[in-house]
Amino acid sequence: MTYGLVSLSIIMMIAVACPIITQLIPGKPMPQTVLLLAFGAIFGPFILDKIWVTKAVELLSEPGLAFLFQLDVVLGAFAAGFILRFVTPNGNHTLNLKLEGVGHGFLIPVFFVVSGASIDVKAVVANPALLITFIIMLLVHAVPIFVATTLDHRVNPLDPQDKLTVSLYCTTALPLIVAVTSLAVQGGTMHQTTASTLVAAGAVTVFLMPLLGGLTSKLMKGETRLIAPTA
């Protein structure tokens, strides 16, 4: 019980500190989710061993995001939402804000910190080839997205640089990766080392792909400005 309380206290301090740190970083190159994972990994059992993933911690972390993939929790959430809609048929803006505040300000940060604590950093560092492979696989995912935007024949199509930027941004699937790998490890269908590497690759893409998208957009727009006067 003491381990659970200590872990939850550290997790809550991390959840409070990460948004503040994110706002203080010039240009905000580091998303909050990456910081949550990083601090979770640092304070987790594989490095500082200050966060222990006890039953109490799992009870609070799972509803944060993994409920999207667990049928029993989904049915419970559906029933709760049905009852709330029956009690307040016209909706309640204040209640909705409070529920979103609890979800985004507490449950989801707890989930990401606990997921970060499950990352075996030493295993990731020991196998950089696997990490690079996963990053390349995520990057390749931008190709079908770019093709889809190219085949879009709407009245106002995107410029080529915007298509490339959108494609790169769409490769950042960290929440989905964290949720799926967490459930896979719990179900015994994925080794913790593989899950750690996948989550690390997803974390890298979260800040790498937007940087690449912004860089390519600036380069392509710069080339367009250089070519335009000669036309």
Protein backbone atom coordinates (compact mmCIF):
# COMPACT_ATOMS: atom_id res chain seq x y z
CA MET A 1 0.00 0.00 0.00
CA THR A 2 2.86 2.35 0.86
CA TYR A 3 4.52 1.69 -2.50
CA GLY A 4 1.26 2.55 -4.27
CA LEU A 5 0.85 5.83 -2.39
CA VAL A 6 4.47 6.83 -3.03
CA SER A 7 4.14 5.96 -6.71
CA LEU A 8 0.88 7.87 -7.09
CA SER A 9 2.39 10.90 -5.33
CA ILE A 10 5.37 10.93 -7.69
CA ILE A 11 3.10 10.40 -10.70
CA MET A 12 0.88 13.33 -9.70
CA MET A 13 3.91 15.60 -9.23
CA ILE A 14 5.11 14.63 -12.71
CA ALA A 15 1.63 15.24 -14.15
CA VAL A 16 1.60 18.73 -12.62
CA ALA A 17 5.19 19.60 -13.57
CA CYS A 18 5.10 18.49 -17.23
CA PRO A 19 2.60 21.10 -18.50
CA ILE A 20 4.58 23.83 -16.72
CA ILE A 21 7.87 22.62 -18.20
CA THR A 22 6.28 22.40 -21.66
CA GLN A 23 5.15 26.01 -21.45
CA LEU A 24 8.60 27.19 -20.32
CA ILE A 25 10.49 25.56 -23.21
CA PRO A 26 11.02 28.15 -26.00
CA GLY A 27 9.21 27.13 -29.16
CA LYS A 28 7.65 24.16 -27.34
CA PRO A 29 9.52 21.50 -29.36
CA MET A 30 8.80 18.79 -26.78
CA PRO A 31 5.15 17.65 -26.53
CA GLN A 32 3.74 17.06 -23.08
CA THR A 33 3.11 13.36 -23.74
CA VAL A 34 6.80 12.79 -24.49
CA LEU A 35 7.77 14.48 -21.23
CA LEU A 36 5.29 12.34 -19.31
CA LEU A 37 6.76 9.18 -20.83
CA ALA A 38 10.34 10.37 -20.29
CA PHE A 39 9.83 11.22 -16.62
CA GLY A 40 7.92 7.97 -16.14
CA ALA A 41 10.85 6.04 -17.62
CA ILE A 42 13.38 7.94 -15.48
CA PHE A 43 11.50 7.40 -12.21
CA GLY A 44 10.39 3.89 -13.19
CA PRO A 45 11.81 0.58 -11.98
CA PHE A 46 14.39 0.35 -14.78
CA ILE A 47 16.32 3.52 -13.80
CA LEU A 48 15.63 5.30 -10.46
CA ASP A 49 13.12 2.69 -9.23
CA LYS A 50 10.87 5.28 -7.56
CA ILE A 51 7.60 4.36 -9.32
CA TRP A 52 6.15 0.90 -8.83
CA VAL A 53 3.28 -0.21 -11.06
CA THR A 54 1.06 -1.62 -8.30
CA LYS A 55 -2.59 -2.62 -8.58
CA ALA A 56 -3.67 0.79 -7.30
CA VAL A 57 -1.57 2.54 -9.93
CA GLU A 58 -2.92 0.27 -12.69
CA LEU A 59 -6.47 0.97 -11.51
CA LEU A 60 -5.98 4.68 -12.15
CA SER A 61 -3.86 4.40 -15.29
CA GLU A 62 -6.00 2.03 -17.35
CA PRO A 63 -9.13 4.23 -17.58
CA GLY A 64 -6.94 7.09 -18.86
CA LEU A 65 -6.64 5.71 -22.36
CA ALA A 66 -6.74 1.93 -22.44
CA PHE A 67 -10.51 1.95 -21.89
CA LEU A 68 -10.77 2.52 -25.62
CA PHE A 69 -9.69 -1.07 -26.17
CA GLN A 70 -11.36 -2.89 -23.26
CA LEU A 71 -14.96 -3.92 -23.90
CA ASP A 72 -16.07 -4.16 -20.28
CA VAL A 73 -14.87 -0.65 -19.47
CA VAL A 74 -16.38 0.69 -22.69
CA LEU A 75 -19.75 -0.80 -21.76
CA GLY A 76 -19.47 0.70 -18.28
CA ALA A 77 -18.63 4.11 -19.73
CA PHE A 78 -21.52 3.79 -22.18
CA ALA A 79 -23.93 2.96 -19.35
CA ALA A 80 -22.66 5.88 -17.25
CA GLY A 81 -23.04 8.24 -20.22
CA PHE A 82 -26.55 6.91 -20.89
CA ILE A 83 -27.55 7.57 -17.27
CA LEU A 84 -26.06 11.07 -17.34
CA ARG A 85 -27.93 11.87 -20.55
CA PHE A 86 -31.15 10.62 -18.92
CA VAL A 87 -30.57 12.78 -15.84
CA THR A 88 -29.55 15.85 -17.88
CA PRO A 89 -31.31 15.47 -21.26
CA ASN A 90 -30.22 18.93 -22.42
CA GLY A 91 -26.63 18.40 -21.37
CA ASN A 92 -24.62 20.18 -18.70
CA HIS A 93 -21.73 22.32 -19.93
CA THR A 94 -20.19 22.63 -16.48
CA LEU A 95 -20.30 18.87 -15.91
CA ASN A 96 -18.77 18.21 -19.32
CA LEU A 97 -15.92 20.59 -18.55
CA LYS A 98 -15.29 18.86 -15.23
CA LEU A 99 -15.28 15.42 -16.82
CA GLU A 100 -12.85 16.58 -19.53
CA GLY A 101 -10.69 18.17 -16.86
CA VAL A 102 -10.50 14.91 -14.90
CA GLY A 103 -9.73 12.93 -18.06
CA HIS A 104 -7.15 15.21 -19.66
CA GLY A 105 -5.72 16.65 -16.45
CA PHE A 106 -5.51 13.48 -14.36
CA LEU A 107 -6.32 10.10 -15.92
CA ILE A 108 -4.49 10.50 -19.24
CA PRO A 109 -1.29 11.97 -17.67
CA VAL A 110 -1.30 9.12 -15.13
CA PHE A 111 -1.64 6.62 -17.96
CA PHE A 112 1.33 8.08 -19.87
CA VAL A 113 3.55 8.28 -16.78
CA VAL A 114 2.79 4.66 -15.88
CA SER A 115 3.41 3.64 -19.48
CA GLY A 116 6.75 5.46 -19.37
CA ALA A 117 7.63 3.64 -16.14
CA SER A 118 7.14 0.38 -18.03
CA ILE A 119 9.76 1.29 -20.65
CA ASP A 120 12.97 -0.70 -20.31
CA VAL A 121 15.37 2.05 -21.35
CA LYS A 122 18.43 -0.22 -21.16
CA ALA A 123 16.81 -2.71 -23.54
CA VAL A 124 15.98 0.08 -25.99
CA VAL A 125 19.53 1.45 -25.91
CA ALA A 126 20.95 -2.07 -26.29
CA ASN A 127 19.08 -2.60 -29.56
CA PRO A 128 19.21 0.68 -31.54
CA ALA A 129 18.66 -1.12 -34.85
CA LEU A 130 15.18 -2.20 -33.77
CA LEU A 131 14.39 1.34 -32.65
CA ILE A 132 15.51 2.79 -36.00
CA THR A 133 13.52 0.11 -37.84
CA PHE A 134 10.33 1.04 -36.01
CA ILE A 135 10.91 4.74 -36.69
CA ILE A 136 11.39 4.03 -40.42
CA MET A 137 8.23 1.92 -40.44
CA LEU A 138 6.28 4.81 -38.93
CA LEU A 139 7.82 7.18 -41.45
CA VAL A 140 6.79 4.89 -44.32
CA HIS A 141 3.24 5.23 -43.02
CA ALA A 142 3.30 8.80 -44.37
CA VAL A 143 3.44 7.52 -47.96
CA PRO A 144 -0.19 6.28 -48.25
CA ILE A 145 -1.38 9.43 -46.50
CA PHE A 146 0.46 11.58 -49.03
CA VAL A 147 -1.02 9.51 -51.88
CA ALA A 148 -4.51 9.87 -50.41
CA THR A 149 -4.19 13.66 -50.18
CA THR A 150 -2.83 13.74 -53.74
CA LEU A 151 -5.84 11.81 -55.06
CA ASP A 152 -8.23 14.18 -53.31
CA HIS A 153 -9.91 16.19 -56.12
CA ARG A 154 -11.75 18.77 -54.06
CA VAL A 155 -12.18 22.36 -55.21
CA ASN A 156 -9.40 23.65 -52.94
CA PRO A 157 -6.68 20.94 -52.91
CA LEU A 158 -3.67 21.18 -50.63
CA ASP A 159 -0.35 22.46 -51.91
CA PRO A 160 2.41 19.82 -52.26
CA GLN A 161 4.28 21.14 -49.22
CA ASP A 162 1.10 21.10 -47.15
CA LYS A 163 0.40 17.52 -48.24
CA LEU A 164 3.87 16.48 -47.13
CA THR A 165 3.49 18.31 -43.82
CA VAL A 166 0.11 16.68 -43.13
CA SER A 167 1.51 13.26 -44.01
CA LEU A 168 4.41 13.64 -41.59
CA TYR A 169 2.18 14.88 -38.81
CA CYS A 170 -0.14 11.88 -39.29
CA THR A 171 2.70 9.45 -38.59
CA THR A 172 2.72 10.48 -34.92
CA ALA A 173 0.59 7.75 -33.34
CA LEU A 174 2.04 7.72 -29.83
CA PRO A 175 -1.24 7.37 -27.86
CA LEU A 176 -2.34 4.43 -30.00
CA ILE A 177 1.07 2.76 -29.74
CA VAL A 178 1.14 3.17 -25.96
CA ALA A 179 -2.38 1.80 -25.56
CA VAL A 180 -1.92 -1.20 -27.86
CA THR A 181 1.49 -2.20 -26.48
CA SER A 182 0.25 -1.88 -22.88
CA LEU A 183 -2.64 -4.21 -23.58
CA ALA A 184 -0.41 -6.60 -25.54
CA VAL A 185 2.08 -6.87 -22.66
CA GLN A 186 -0.72 -7.38 -20.15
CA GLY A 187 -2.19 -10.10 -22.34
CA GLY A 188 1.17 -11.83 -22.70
CA THR A 189 1.26 -11.48 -26.49
CA MET A 190 4.20 -9.04 -26.62
CA HIS A 191 7.52 -8.96 -24.79
CA GLN A 192 8.24 -5.90 -22.65
CA THR A 193 11.44 -5.19 -24.60
CA THR A 194 9.57 -4.96 -27.90
CA ALA A 195 6.85 -2.82 -26.35
CA SER A 196 9.45 -0.49 -24.84
CA THR A 197 11.15 -0.04 -28.22
CA LEU A 198 7.84 0.61 -29.97
CA VAL A 199 6.83 3.25 -27.42
CA ALA A 200 10.27 4.87 -27.64
CA ALA A 201 9.96 4.99 -31.43
CA GLY A 202 6.52 6.57 -31.12
CA ALA A 203 7.89 9.14 -28.68
CA VAL A 204 10.69 10.02 -31.11
CA THR A 205 8.22 10.54 -33.96
CA VAL A 206 6.08 12.87 -31.84
CA PHE A 207 8.73 15.60 -31.86
CA LEU A 208 10.77 14.46 -34.89
CA MET A 209 7.99 14.37 -37.49
CA PRO A 210 6.60 17.85 -36.76
CA LEU A 211 10.14 19.21 -36.99
CA LEU A 212 10.63 17.48 -40.34
CA GLY A 213 7.23 18.68 -41.51
CA GLY A 214 7.99 22.28 -40.60
CA LEU A 215 11.47 22.07 -42.15
CA THR A 216 10.26 20.58 -45.44
CA SER A 217 7.44 23.11 -45.61
CA LYS A 218 9.87 26.01 -45.17
CA LEU A 219 12.30 24.57 -47.72
CA MET A 220 9.60 23.96 -50.34
CA LYS A 221 8.02 27.35 -49.82
CA GLY A 222 11.47 28.94 -50.05
CA GLU A 223 12.09 27.18 -53.34
CA THR A 224 8.69 28.36 -54.60
CA ARG A 225 9.57 31.97 -53.81
CA LEU A 226 12.88 31.59 -55.63
CA ILE A 227 11.28 30.06 -58.71
CA ALA A 228 8.31 32.42 -58.92
CA PRO A 229 10.20 35.58 -60.06
CA THR A 230 11.78 33.72 -62.98
CA ALA A 231 8.42 32.51 -64.32
